[in-house]
Amino acid sequence: MALSDSEVQKQIKHMMAFIDQEAKEKVDEINAKAEEEFNIEKGRLVQQQKVKIMEYYERKKKQVELQKKIQHSNLMNQSRLKTLKAREDHVKSMLDKVRDQMSNVRNDKVRYSALLEGLICQGLLQLLESNVVIRCKQDDVSHVQAVIPKAQKVYKEMTGQVVQLTIDQQEFLSNDMSGGVELTSRKTRFKVVNTLESRLEMLSTQMMPEIRSMMFGVNTNRRFLN
């Protein structure tokens, strides 16, 4: 039985309504999926940016902490260097005072003569030569002449050798020096400097750890005494 026009139109409308509904549902599905994917991507990007921001500020924090440590270390080093400089200046000042007072040793004739004898003997034992020239301050010539026989005797007793000693009458030690002698071998031209200044310099170098300990106390951080 053939359908009437009204029934055909009714079925067509029904089919079109079904198609429209299917299309709307499909659009809604696509929109929902698109929104879900958008939200997922947005969340991923937001999280990615959050991580980058956190990493950036974490690096900044570490840089600031490192800078603080460097500044603290620099301040500590500067403080330590200032302390060391002040101590070295104090030691130098003390040695300068000792150096200024060394010339007073010459005022005690007996003591100074014994000192000259000891300096000459020590120089002879270092040179071990048979002919030696002694250089001294011009004011000390008589003192040196007086102790030469004693020094020769001590040297012979210690080495079994005879040594000829001559005072240099052409060139003397500077008047600025406190005293002491220089000994030179005529044969080899080797020289031993035994002036009071040279002895002070040598002793101050050798005894610097003890000097620092006496002046500033023992440094518990030092592993070696030098």
N, C-alpha and C. Protein backbone atom coordinates (compact mmCIF):
# COMPACT_ATOMS: atom_id res chain seq x y z
N MET A 1 0.85 -1.19 0.00
CA MET A 1 0.00 0.00 0.00
C MET A 1 0.88 1.23 0.00
N ALA A 2 0.64 2.11 -0.90
CA ALA A 2 1.45 3.32 -1.05
C ALA A 2 1.13 4.29 0.05
N LEU A 3 2.25 5.01 0.48
CA LEU A 3 2.10 6.01 1.54
C LEU A 3 1.56 7.29 0.95
N SER A 4 0.77 7.93 1.76
CA SER A 4 0.24 9.22 1.30
C SER A 4 1.32 10.27 1.45
N ASP A 5 1.09 11.40 0.80
CA ASP A 5 2.08 12.49 0.85
C ASP A 5 2.31 12.95 2.27
N SER A 6 1.29 12.99 3.07
CA SER A 6 1.44 13.47 4.45
C SER A 6 2.30 12.49 5.26
N GLU A 7 2.11 11.19 4.99
CA GLU A 7 2.91 10.21 5.71
C GLU A 7 4.38 10.26 5.29
N VAL A 8 4.57 10.48 3.98
CA VAL A 8 5.94 10.59 3.47
C VAL A 8 6.62 11.78 4.12
N GLN A 9 5.92 12.92 4.16
CA GLN A 9 6.49 14.13 4.76
C GLN A 9 6.77 13.90 6.25
N LYS A 10 5.90 13.17 6.88
CA LYS A 10 6.08 12.90 8.30
C LYS A 10 7.33 12.07 8.54
N GLN A 11 7.53 11.02 7.68
CA GLN A 11 8.72 10.17 7.83
C GLN A 11 10.00 10.95 7.53
N ILE A 12 9.86 11.81 6.49
CA ILE A 12 11.04 12.63 6.13
C ILE A 12 11.42 13.52 7.30
N LYS A 13 10.39 14.17 7.92
CA LYS A 13 10.66 15.04 9.06
C LYS A 13 11.27 14.24 10.21
N HIS A 14 10.76 13.02 10.40
CA HIS A 14 11.27 12.17 11.48
C HIS A 14 12.74 11.82 11.24
N MET A 15 13.05 11.48 9.96
CA MET A 15 14.43 11.14 9.61
C MET A 15 15.34 12.35 9.78
N MET A 16 14.85 13.53 9.36
CA MET A 16 15.65 14.74 9.46
C MET A 16 15.89 15.10 10.94
N ALA A 17 14.86 14.89 11.75
CA ALA A 17 15.02 15.16 13.18
C ALA A 17 16.05 14.22 13.78
N PHE A 18 16.02 12.94 13.33
CA PHE A 18 16.97 11.95 13.83
C PHE A 18 18.38 12.32 13.43
N ILE A 19 18.50 12.75 12.14
CA ILE A 19 19.82 13.15 11.64
C ILE A 19 20.33 14.37 12.41
N ASP A 20 19.42 15.37 12.62
CA ASP A 20 19.82 16.56 13.40
C ASP A 20 20.29 16.19 14.81
N GLN A 21 19.52 15.24 15.40
CA GLN A 21 19.90 14.84 16.77
C GLN A 21 21.26 14.15 16.78
N GLU A 22 21.44 13.28 15.77
CA GLU A 22 22.73 12.58 15.65
C GLU A 22 23.86 13.58 15.46
N ALA A 23 23.60 14.60 14.62
CA ALA A 23 24.62 15.61 14.34
C ALA A 23 24.93 16.41 15.61
N LYS A 24 23.89 16.82 16.34
CA LYS A 24 24.10 17.58 17.58
C LYS A 24 24.90 16.77 18.59
N GLU A 25 24.51 15.48 18.72
CA GLU A 25 25.23 14.63 19.67
C GLU A 25 26.71 14.49 19.26
N LYS A 26 26.89 14.38 17.91
CA LYS A 26 28.27 14.24 17.41
C LYS A 26 29.06 15.51 17.68
N VAL A 27 28.39 16.65 17.43
CA VAL A 27 29.06 17.95 17.69
C VAL A 27 29.38 18.08 19.17
N ASP A 28 28.40 17.73 20.03
CA ASP A 28 28.63 17.80 21.46
C ASP A 28 29.78 16.90 21.88
N GLU A 29 29.81 15.70 21.26
CA GLU A 29 30.89 14.75 21.57
C GLU A 29 32.24 15.32 21.16
N ILE A 30 32.26 15.89 19.95
CA ILE A 30 33.52 16.48 19.45
C ILE A 30 33.94 17.65 20.33
N ASN A 31 32.96 18.50 20.67
CA ASN A 31 33.27 19.66 21.53
C ASN A 31 33.78 19.21 22.90
N ALA A 32 33.12 18.18 23.43
CA ALA A 32 33.52 17.68 24.76
C ALA A 32 34.93 17.11 24.70
N LYS A 33 35.18 16.34 23.59
CA LYS A 33 36.51 15.76 23.46
C LYS A 33 37.56 16.84 23.24
N ALA A 34 37.17 17.82 22.42
CA ALA A 34 38.12 18.93 22.15
C ALA A 34 38.40 19.69 23.44
N GLU A 35 37.36 19.94 24.25
CA GLU A 35 37.55 20.67 25.51
C GLU A 35 38.41 19.85 26.48
N GLU A 36 38.14 18.52 26.48
CA GLU A 36 38.94 17.66 27.36
C GLU A 36 40.41 17.67 26.95
N GLU A 37 40.64 17.55 25.63
CA GLU A 37 42.02 17.58 25.15
C GLU A 37 42.66 18.94 25.41
N PHE A 38 41.85 20.00 25.25
CA PHE A 38 42.35 21.35 25.51
C PHE A 38 42.76 21.50 26.97
N ASN A 39 41.87 21.00 27.86
CA ASN A 39 42.16 21.09 29.29
C ASN A 39 43.39 20.27 29.66
N ILE A 40 43.50 19.08 29.04
CA ILE A 40 44.68 18.24 29.30
C ILE A 40 45.95 18.95 28.84
N GLU A 41 45.90 19.50 27.62
CA GLU A 41 47.07 20.20 27.06
C GLU A 41 47.38 21.45 27.88
N LYS A 42 46.30 22.16 28.27
CA LYS A 42 46.49 23.35 29.09
C LYS A 42 47.13 22.98 30.42
N GLY A 43 46.64 21.90 31.02
CA GLY A 43 47.21 21.45 32.29
C GLY A 43 48.67 21.05 32.14
N ARG A 44 48.95 20.35 31.00
CA ARG A 44 50.34 19.93 30.76
C ARG A 44 51.25 21.14 30.60
N LEU A 45 50.77 22.13 29.82
CA LEU A 45 51.57 23.34 29.60
C LEU A 45 51.75 24.13 30.90
N VAL A 46 50.65 24.22 31.68
CA VAL A 46 50.74 24.94 32.96
C VAL A 46 51.74 24.24 33.89
N GLN A 47 51.63 22.90 33.96
CA GLN A 47 52.54 22.14 34.81
C GLN A 47 53.98 22.28 34.33
N GLN A 48 54.14 22.26 33.00
CA GLN A 48 55.47 22.42 32.41
C GLN A 48 56.06 23.78 32.77
N GLN A 49 55.25 24.81 32.70
CA GLN A 49 55.71 26.15 33.05
C GLN A 49 55.99 26.26 34.55
N LYS A 50 55.15 25.60 35.34
CA LYS A 50 55.37 25.59 36.79
C LYS A 50 56.73 24.97 37.11
N VAL A 51 57.01 23.84 36.47
CA VAL A 51 58.30 23.16 36.69
C VAL A 51 59.46 24.06 36.29
N LYS A 52 59.30 24.72 35.13
CA LYS A 52 60.36 25.62 34.67
C LYS A 52 60.58 26.77 35.65
N ILE A 53 59.46 27.33 36.14
CA ILE A 53 59.55 28.44 37.09
C ILE A 53 60.21 27.97 38.39
N MET A 54 59.80 26.79 38.87
CA MET A 54 60.39 26.25 40.10
C MET A 54 61.88 25.98 39.92
N GLU A 55 62.23 25.41 38.76
CA GLU A 55 63.65 25.15 38.49
C GLU A 55 64.44 26.44 38.41
N TYR A 56 63.83 27.46 37.79
CA TYR A 56 64.49 28.77 37.66
C TYR A 56 64.79 29.37 39.04
N TYR A 57 63.76 29.37 39.90
CA TYR A 57 63.95 29.96 41.23
C TYR A 57 64.83 29.09 42.12
N GLU A 58 64.83 27.79 41.87
CA GLU A 58 65.72 26.91 42.61
C GLU A 58 67.18 27.22 42.25
N ARG A 59 67.43 27.44 40.94
CA ARG A 59 68.77 27.83 40.50
C ARG A 59 69.17 29.16 41.11
N LYS A 60 68.20 30.11 41.09
CA LYS A 60 68.46 31.43 41.67
C LYS A 60 68.79 31.31 43.16
N LYS A 61 68.04 30.45 43.85
CA LYS A 61 68.27 30.25 45.28
C LYS A 61 69.66 29.69 45.53
N LYS A 62 70.06 28.70 44.72
CA LYS A 62 71.39 28.12 44.87
C LYS A 62 72.48 29.14 44.55
N GLN A 63 72.23 29.97 43.52
CA GLN A 63 73.19 31.02 43.18
C GLN A 63 73.36 32.01 44.32
N VAL A 64 72.23 32.38 44.94
CA VAL A 64 72.28 33.32 46.07
C VAL A 64 73.03 32.69 47.24
N GLU A 65 72.75 31.40 47.53
CA GLU A 65 73.43 30.72 48.62
C GLU A 65 74.92 30.61 48.35
N LEU A 66 75.27 30.29 47.08
CA LEU A 66 76.68 30.20 46.71
C LEU A 66 77.36 31.55 46.85
N GLN A 67 76.67 32.60 46.40
CA GLN A 67 77.22 33.95 46.49
C GLN A 67 77.44 34.34 47.96
N LYS A 68 76.49 33.96 48.81
CA LYS A 68 76.64 34.25 50.25
C LYS A 68 77.86 33.52 50.81
N LYS A 69 78.03 32.24 50.41
CA LYS A 69 79.17 31.48 50.89
C LYS A 69 80.48 32.10 50.42
N ILE A 70 80.50 32.54 49.15
CA ILE A 70 81.71 33.17 48.60
C ILE A 70 82.01 34.47 49.34
N GLN A 71 80.97 35.28 49.56
CA GLN A 71 81.16 36.54 50.28
C GLN A 71 81.64 36.29 51.70
N HIS A 72 81.03 35.29 52.36
CA HIS A 72 81.46 34.96 53.72
C HIS A 72 82.91 34.51 53.74
N SER A 73 83.26 33.65 52.76
CA SER A 73 84.63 33.16 52.67
C SER A 73 85.60 34.32 52.41
N ASN A 74 85.21 35.23 51.52
CA ASN A 74 86.06 36.38 51.22
C ASN A 74 86.25 37.26 52.46
N LEU A 75 85.16 37.47 53.19
CA LEU A 75 85.26 38.29 54.41
C LEU A 75 86.15 37.62 55.45
N MET A 76 86.00 36.29 55.58
CA MET A 76 86.84 35.56 56.52
C MET A 76 88.31 35.64 56.12
N ASN A 77 88.58 35.49 54.80
CA ASN A 77 89.96 35.57 54.32
C ASN A 77 90.53 36.96 54.53
N GLN A 78 89.72 37.98 54.25
CA GLN A 78 90.18 39.35 54.45
C GLN A 78 90.49 39.60 55.92
N SER A 79 89.60 39.10 56.79
CA SER A 79 89.83 39.26 58.23
C SER A 79 91.09 38.53 58.66
N ARG A 80 91.28 37.30 58.13
CA ARG A 80 92.47 36.51 58.48
C ARG A 80 93.73 37.20 57.99
N LEU A 81 93.68 37.74 56.76
CA LEU A 81 94.85 38.42 56.20
C LEU A 81 95.19 39.68 56.99
N LYS A 82 94.13 40.40 57.41
CA LYS A 82 94.36 41.60 58.22
C LYS A 82 95.01 41.23 59.55
N THR A 83 94.52 40.13 60.15
CA THR A 83 95.09 39.68 61.41
C THR A 83 96.55 39.27 61.23
N LEU A 84 96.82 38.51 60.16
CA LEU A 84 98.19 38.08 59.88
C LEU A 84 99.09 39.28 59.62
N LYS A 85 98.55 40.26 58.86
CA LYS A 85 99.33 41.46 58.57
C LYS A 85 99.66 42.23 59.84
N ALA A 86 98.67 42.35 60.73
CA ALA A 86 98.89 43.05 61.99
C ALA A 86 99.92 42.32 62.84
N ARG A 87 99.85 40.98 62.83
CA ARG A 87 100.82 40.21 63.61
C ARG A 87 102.22 40.33 63.02
N GLU A 88 102.31 40.25 61.69
CA GLU A 88 103.62 40.38 61.05
C GLU A 88 104.21 41.76 61.31
N ASP A 89 103.36 42.79 61.26
CA ASP A 89 103.83 44.15 61.55
C ASP A 89 104.33 44.24 62.99
N HIS A 90 103.62 43.56 63.89
CA HIS A 90 104.01 43.59 65.30
C HIS A 90 105.36 42.89 65.49
N VAL A 91 105.52 41.73 64.83
CA VAL A 91 106.79 41.00 64.91
C VAL A 91 107.91 41.84 64.31
N LYS A 92 107.65 42.46 63.16
CA LYS A 92 108.66 43.29 62.51
C LYS A 92 109.05 44.47 63.41
N SER A 93 108.05 45.07 64.05
CA SER A 93 108.32 46.18 64.97
C SER A 93 109.20 45.73 66.12
N MET A 94 108.90 44.52 66.64
CA MET A 94 109.70 43.99 67.73
C MET A 94 111.13 43.73 67.29
N LEU A 95 111.30 43.15 66.09
CA LEU A 95 112.64 42.87 65.58
C LEU A 95 113.40 44.16 65.29
N ASP A 96 112.68 45.17 64.82
CA ASP A 96 113.32 46.47 64.58
C ASP A 96 113.84 47.06 65.88
N LYS A 97 113.06 46.90 66.96
CA LYS A 97 113.51 47.40 68.26
C LYS A 97 114.75 46.65 68.73
N VAL A 98 114.73 45.31 68.51
CA VAL A 98 115.91 44.52 68.88
C VAL A 98 117.11 44.95 68.07
N ARG A 99 116.89 45.19 66.77
CA ARG A 99 117.98 45.62 65.89
C ARG A 99 118.54 46.98 66.35
N ASP A 100 117.64 47.87 66.77
CA ASP A 100 118.09 49.19 67.23
C ASP A 100 118.90 49.09 68.52
N GLN A 101 118.61 48.07 69.32
CA GLN A 101 119.28 47.93 70.61
C GLN A 101 120.54 47.07 70.52
N MET A 102 120.79 46.44 69.35
CA MET A 102 121.94 45.56 69.23
C MET A 102 123.26 46.30 69.41
N SER A 103 123.30 47.56 68.98
CA SER A 103 124.55 48.32 69.08
C SER A 103 124.97 48.50 70.54
N ASN A 104 123.99 48.35 71.46
CA ASN A 104 124.32 48.49 72.89
C ASN A 104 125.20 47.34 73.38
N VAL A 105 125.21 46.22 72.63
CA VAL A 105 126.05 45.09 73.02
C VAL A 105 127.52 45.50 73.04
N ARG A 106 127.89 46.40 72.16
CA ARG A 106 129.30 46.82 72.07
C ARG A 106 129.74 47.62 73.29
N ASN A 107 128.76 48.10 74.06
CA ASN A 107 129.12 48.88 75.26
C ASN A 107 129.70 48.00 76.36
N ASP A 108 129.31 46.71 76.34
CA ASP A 108 129.86 45.77 77.31
C ASP A 108 131.08 45.11 76.67
N LYS A 109 132.26 45.60 76.96
CA LYS A 109 133.48 45.16 76.28
C LYS A 109 133.74 43.67 76.43
N VAL A 110 133.58 43.17 77.65
CA VAL A 110 133.85 41.75 77.91
C VAL A 110 132.88 40.87 77.13
N ARG A 111 131.63 41.22 77.22
CA ARG A 111 130.59 40.44 76.53
C ARG A 111 130.78 40.50 75.02
N TYR A 112 131.09 41.70 74.51
CA TYR A 112 131.24 41.86 73.06
C TYR A 112 132.47 41.12 72.55
N SER A 113 133.55 41.13 73.33
CA SER A 113 134.76 40.40 72.93
C SER A 113 134.48 38.91 72.84
N ALA A 114 133.75 38.40 73.82
CA ALA A 114 133.39 36.97 73.80
C ALA A 114 132.51 36.66 72.59
N LEU A 115 131.61 37.58 72.27
CA LEU A 115 130.74 37.40 71.12
C LEU A 115 131.54 37.38 69.82
N LEU A 116 132.49 38.31 69.69
CA LEU A 116 133.34 38.35 68.49
C LEU A 116 134.14 37.06 68.35
N GLU A 117 134.67 36.59 69.45
CA GLU A 117 135.44 35.34 69.42
C GLU A 117 134.57 34.19 68.92
N GLY A 118 133.36 34.10 69.45
CA GLY A 118 132.45 33.05 69.04
C GLY A 118 132.07 33.14 67.57
N LEU A 119 131.82 34.37 67.08
CA LEU A 119 131.46 34.56 65.67
C LEU A 119 132.62 34.20 64.75
N ILE A 120 133.84 34.55 65.16
CA ILE A 120 135.02 34.22 64.34
C ILE A 120 135.22 32.70 64.30
N CYS A 121 135.14 32.06 65.47
CA CYS A 121 135.31 30.60 65.51
C CYS A 121 134.26 29.89 64.67
N GLN A 122 133.05 30.33 64.77
CA GLN A 122 131.98 29.71 63.97
C GLN A 122 132.26 29.85 62.48
N GLY A 123 132.67 31.06 62.05
CA GLY A 123 132.99 31.28 60.64
C GLY A 123 134.14 30.42 60.18
N LEU A 124 135.17 30.27 61.02
CA LEU A 124 136.32 29.44 60.66
C LEU A 124 135.92 27.98 60.47
N LEU A 125 135.05 27.50 61.33
CA LEU A 125 134.59 26.11 61.23
C LEU A 125 133.73 25.88 59.99
N GLN A 126 133.12 26.94 59.48
CA GLN A 126 132.35 26.82 58.24
C GLN A 126 133.27 26.85 57.02
N LEU A 127 134.30 27.69 57.08
CA LEU A 127 135.21 27.81 55.94
C LEU A 127 136.21 26.66 55.87
N LEU A 128 136.80 26.30 57.05
CA LEU A 128 137.85 25.27 57.12
C LEU A 128 138.98 25.59 56.14
N GLU A 129 139.46 26.82 56.20
CA GLU A 129 140.57 27.28 55.36
C GLU A 129 141.75 27.68 56.25
N SER A 130 142.96 27.68 55.66
CA SER A 130 144.16 27.98 56.45
C SER A 130 144.52 29.46 56.45
N ASN A 131 143.91 30.23 55.56
CA ASN A 131 144.24 31.66 55.47
C ASN A 131 142.94 32.44 55.27
N VAL A 132 142.59 33.22 56.28
CA VAL A 132 141.28 33.87 56.27
C VAL A 132 141.42 35.35 56.57
N VAL A 133 140.65 36.16 55.84
CA VAL A 133 140.63 37.61 56.06
C VAL A 133 139.37 37.96 56.84
N ILE A 134 139.54 38.80 57.87
CA ILE A 134 138.40 39.22 58.70
C ILE A 134 138.09 40.68 58.38
N ARG A 135 136.83 40.94 58.14
CA ARG A 135 136.38 42.32 57.94
C ARG A 135 135.45 42.69 59.09
N CYS A 136 135.69 43.86 59.68
CA CYS A 136 134.89 44.30 60.81
C CYS A 136 134.67 45.81 60.71
N LYS A 137 133.94 46.35 61.65
CA LYS A 137 133.80 47.82 61.73
C LYS A 137 135.16 48.42 62.11
N GLN A 138 135.43 49.59 61.64
CA GLN A 138 136.71 50.22 61.93
C GLN A 138 136.90 50.41 63.44
N ASP A 139 135.80 50.67 64.12
CA ASP A 139 135.88 50.85 65.58
C ASP A 139 136.13 49.55 66.31
N ASP A 140 135.93 48.41 65.61
CA ASP A 140 136.07 47.11 66.26
C ASP A 140 137.43 46.47 66.00
N VAL A 141 138.31 47.12 65.28
CA VAL A 141 139.60 46.51 64.91
C VAL A 141 140.36 46.05 66.15
N SER A 142 140.44 46.90 67.16
CA SER A 142 141.20 46.54 68.37
C SER A 142 140.56 45.36 69.08
N HIS A 143 139.21 45.32 69.10
CA HIS A 143 138.51 44.20 69.75
C HIS A 143 138.82 42.89 69.00
N VAL A 144 138.79 42.94 67.68
CA VAL A 144 139.04 41.74 66.88
C VAL A 144 140.48 41.29 67.05
N GLN A 145 141.42 42.23 67.01
CA GLN A 145 142.83 41.88 67.21
C GLN A 145 143.05 41.17 68.54
N ALA A 146 142.31 41.62 69.54
CA ALA A 146 142.50 41.05 70.88
C ALA A 146 141.99 39.61 70.97
N VAL A 147 140.97 39.25 70.18
CA VAL A 147 140.39 37.90 70.31
C VAL A 147 140.94 36.93 69.27
N ILE A 148 141.72 37.41 68.31
CA ILE A 148 142.25 36.52 67.26
C ILE A 148 143.05 35.37 67.85
N PRO A 149 143.96 35.60 68.77
CA PRO A 149 144.72 34.47 69.33
C PRO A 149 143.82 33.42 69.99
N LYS A 150 142.81 33.86 70.70
CA LYS A 150 141.89 32.92 71.35
C LYS A 150 141.13 32.11 70.31
N ALA A 151 140.68 32.80 69.25
CA ALA A 151 139.93 32.10 68.20
C ALA A 151 140.81 31.08 67.49
N GLN A 152 142.06 31.45 67.24
CA GLN A 152 143.00 30.52 66.59
C GLN A 152 143.23 29.29 67.47
N LYS A 153 143.34 29.52 68.77
CA LYS A 153 143.57 28.42 69.69
C LYS A 153 142.37 27.47 69.71
N VAL A 154 141.18 28.04 69.81
CA VAL A 154 139.97 27.21 69.83
C VAL A 154 139.84 26.42 68.54
N TYR A 155 140.12 27.08 67.41
CA TYR A 155 140.02 26.41 66.10
C TYR A 155 141.00 25.25 66.00
N LYS A 156 142.22 25.45 66.49
CA LYS A 156 143.23 24.39 66.44
C LYS A 156 142.82 23.22 67.33
N GLU A 157 142.27 23.55 68.51
CA GLU A 157 141.83 22.49 69.42
C GLU A 157 140.71 21.66 68.81
N MET A 158 139.87 22.29 68.03
CA MET A 158 138.71 21.60 67.47
C MET A 158 139.02 20.87 66.17
N THR A 159 139.97 21.39 65.39
CA THR A 159 140.25 20.80 64.07
C THR A 159 141.65 20.22 63.93
N GLY A 160 142.56 20.62 64.84
CA GLY A 160 143.96 20.19 64.70
C GLY A 160 144.69 20.97 63.63
N GLN A 161 144.07 22.00 63.07
CA GLN A 161 144.66 22.79 61.99
C GLN A 161 145.01 24.19 62.49
N VAL A 162 146.04 24.77 61.85
CA VAL A 162 146.44 26.14 62.15
C VAL A 162 145.83 27.06 61.11
N VAL A 163 145.34 28.20 61.54
CA VAL A 163 144.74 29.15 60.61
C VAL A 163 145.39 30.52 60.80
N GLN A 164 145.69 31.16 59.70
CA GLN A 164 146.23 32.52 59.73
C GLN A 164 145.10 33.51 59.52
N LEU A 165 144.97 34.45 60.44
CA LEU A 165 143.89 35.44 60.38
C LEU A 165 144.46 36.83 60.17
N THR A 166 143.85 37.54 59.21
CA THR A 166 144.29 38.90 58.90
C THR A 166 143.08 39.81 58.87
N ILE A 167 143.22 40.97 59.51
CA ILE A 167 142.12 41.95 59.49
C ILE A 167 142.26 42.82 58.26
N ASP A 168 141.17 42.96 57.51
CA ASP A 168 141.15 43.82 56.32
C ASP A 168 141.22 45.28 56.78
N GLN A 169 142.33 45.94 56.46
CA GLN A 169 142.52 47.33 56.86
C GLN A 169 142.12 48.32 55.77
N GLN A 170 141.65 47.79 54.62
CA GLN A 170 141.28 48.66 53.50
C GLN A 170 139.77 48.86 53.41
N GLU A 171 139.05 47.83 53.72
CA GLU A 171 137.58 47.90 53.59
C GLU A 171 136.95 47.39 54.88
N PHE A 172 136.12 48.24 55.48
CA PHE A 172 135.50 47.89 56.76
C PHE A 172 133.99 47.72 56.58
N LEU A 173 133.38 47.11 57.58
CA LEU A 173 131.92 47.03 57.60
C LEU A 173 131.34 48.42 57.77
N SER A 174 130.13 48.60 57.25
CA SER A 174 129.49 49.92 57.32
C SER A 174 129.27 50.35 58.76
N ASN A 175 129.39 51.65 58.97
CA ASN A 175 129.14 52.20 60.31
C ASN A 175 127.68 52.04 60.72
N ASP A 176 126.80 51.81 59.74
CA ASP A 176 125.39 51.62 60.04
C ASP A 176 125.13 50.25 60.70
N MET A 177 126.09 49.34 60.58
CA MET A 177 125.91 48.00 61.13
C MET A 177 126.24 48.02 62.62
N SER A 178 125.60 47.11 63.35
CA SER A 178 125.77 47.07 64.80
C SER A 178 127.10 46.46 65.21
N GLY A 179 127.61 45.56 64.41
CA GLY A 179 128.87 44.91 64.75
C GLY A 179 128.94 43.52 64.16
N GLY A 180 129.94 42.74 64.64
CA GLY A 180 130.13 41.41 64.10
C GLY A 180 131.26 41.40 63.08
N VAL A 181 131.36 40.31 62.32
CA VAL A 181 132.47 40.15 61.37
C VAL A 181 131.99 39.46 60.09
N GLU A 182 132.82 39.61 59.06
CA GLU A 182 132.72 38.82 57.83
C GLU A 182 134.06 38.14 57.63
N LEU A 183 134.03 36.85 57.31
CA LEU A 183 135.26 36.10 57.08
C LEU A 183 135.31 35.62 55.64
N THR A 184 136.46 35.84 54.99
CA THR A 184 136.61 35.45 53.60
C THR A 184 137.88 34.64 53.43
N SER A 185 137.78 33.53 52.72
CA SER A 185 138.95 32.70 52.44
C SER A 185 139.80 33.36 51.37
N ARG A 186 141.10 33.48 51.62
CA ARG A 186 142.00 34.05 50.60
C ARG A 186 142.09 33.15 49.38
N LYS A 187 141.95 31.85 49.60
CA LYS A 187 142.15 30.89 48.52
C LYS A 187 140.90 30.73 47.66
N THR A 188 139.78 30.51 48.28
CA THR A 188 138.55 30.21 47.52
C THR A 188 137.62 31.41 47.40
N ARG A 189 137.85 32.43 48.19
CA ARG A 189 137.01 33.63 48.23
C ARG A 189 135.61 33.34 48.77
N PHE A 190 135.44 32.17 49.38
CA PHE A 190 134.18 31.90 50.06
C PHE A 190 134.04 32.86 51.24
N LYS A 191 132.80 33.26 51.50
CA LYS A 191 132.58 34.24 52.55
C LYS A 191 131.53 33.73 53.54
N VAL A 192 131.79 34.01 54.81
CA VAL A 192 130.81 33.76 55.85
C VAL A 192 130.47 35.09 56.49
N VAL A 193 129.19 35.46 56.44
CA VAL A 193 128.74 36.72 57.02
C VAL A 193 128.21 36.45 58.42
N ASN A 194 128.93 36.95 59.42
CA ASN A 194 128.54 36.75 60.81
C ASN A 194 128.39 38.10 61.51
N THR A 195 127.71 39.02 60.84
CA THR A 195 127.42 40.30 61.48
C THR A 195 126.27 40.11 62.45
N LEU A 196 126.09 41.06 63.34
CA LEU A 196 124.98 40.95 64.29
C LEU A 196 123.64 40.96 63.56
N GLU A 197 123.55 41.78 62.49
CA GLU A 197 122.31 41.84 61.72
C GLU A 197 122.01 40.50 61.05
N SER A 198 123.04 39.87 60.47
CA SER A 198 122.82 38.59 59.79
C SER A 198 122.43 37.50 60.78
N ARG A 199 123.02 37.56 61.98
CA ARG A 199 122.67 36.57 62.99
C ARG A 199 121.23 36.76 63.48
N LEU A 200 120.85 38.02 63.65
CA LEU A 200 119.47 38.29 64.05
C LEU A 200 118.50 37.81 62.98
N GLU A 201 118.83 38.07 61.72
CA GLU A 201 117.97 37.64 60.62
C GLU A 201 117.83 36.12 60.60
N MET A 202 118.95 35.43 60.77
CA MET A 202 118.92 33.96 60.74
C MET A 202 118.13 33.41 61.92
N LEU A 203 118.40 33.95 63.11
CA LEU A 203 117.71 33.45 64.30
C LEU A 203 116.22 33.76 64.26
N SER A 204 115.87 34.95 63.77
CA SER A 204 114.46 35.31 63.70
C SER A 204 113.72 34.41 62.72
N THR A 205 114.41 34.01 61.65
CA THR A 205 113.78 33.10 60.68
C THR A 205 113.61 31.71 61.28
N GLN A 206 114.69 31.21 61.91
CA GLN A 206 114.65 29.87 62.49
C GLN A 206 113.67 29.78 63.65
N MET A 207 113.57 30.83 64.43
CA MET A 207 112.75 30.79 65.64
C MET A 207 111.40 31.49 65.47
N MET A 208 111.02 31.80 64.23
CA MET A 208 109.77 32.52 64.02
C MET A 208 108.55 31.82 64.63
N PRO A 209 108.42 30.47 64.50
CA PRO A 209 107.27 29.82 65.15
C PRO A 209 107.25 30.05 66.66
N GLU A 210 108.44 29.94 67.30
CA GLU A 210 108.51 30.17 68.75
C GLU A 210 108.20 31.62 69.10
N ILE A 211 108.70 32.54 68.26
CA ILE A 211 108.44 33.96 68.49
C ILE A 211 106.94 34.25 68.41
N ARG A 212 106.29 33.69 67.37
CA ARG A 212 104.84 33.91 67.22
C ARG A 212 104.09 33.31 68.40
N SER A 213 104.51 32.11 68.85
CA SER A 213 103.83 31.47 69.97
C SER A 213 103.97 32.30 71.23
N MET A 214 105.17 32.84 71.45
CA MET A 214 105.38 33.66 72.66
C MET A 214 104.56 34.94 72.61
N MET A 215 104.43 35.52 71.42
CA MET A 215 103.74 36.80 71.29
C MET A 215 102.23 36.66 71.20
N PHE A 216 101.76 35.60 70.51
CA PHE A 216 100.32 35.50 70.21
C PHE A 216 99.68 34.22 70.74
N GLY A 217 100.49 33.36 71.37
CA GLY A 217 99.96 32.09 71.83
C GLY A 217 100.04 31.03 70.73
N VAL A 218 99.78 29.79 71.11
CA VAL A 218 99.86 28.68 70.17
C VAL A 218 98.65 28.68 69.25
N ASN A 219 98.91 28.58 67.94
CA ASN A 219 97.82 28.50 66.96
C ASN A 219 97.40 27.04 66.81
N THR A 220 96.21 26.71 67.34
CA THR A 220 95.75 25.32 67.29
C THR A 220 95.41 24.86 65.89
N ASN A 221 95.27 25.79 64.93
CA ASN A 221 94.93 25.41 63.55
C ASN A 221 96.15 25.03 62.73
N ARG A 222 97.34 25.35 63.23
CA ARG A 222 98.56 25.05 62.48
C ARG A 222 98.92 23.57 62.67
N ARG A 223 99.15 22.90 61.56
CA ARG A 223 99.53 21.49 61.61
C ARG A 223 101.04 21.33 61.65
N PHE A 224 101.76 22.33 61.10
CA PHE A 224 103.21 22.27 61.08
C PHE A 224 103.77 23.58 61.61
N LEU A 225 104.86 23.52 62.34
CA LEU A 225 105.52 24.72 62.83
C LEU A 225 106.63 25.10 61.88
N ASN A 226 106.41 26.15 61.09
CA ASN A 226 107.43 26.60 60.16
C ASN A 226 107.31 28.09 60.00
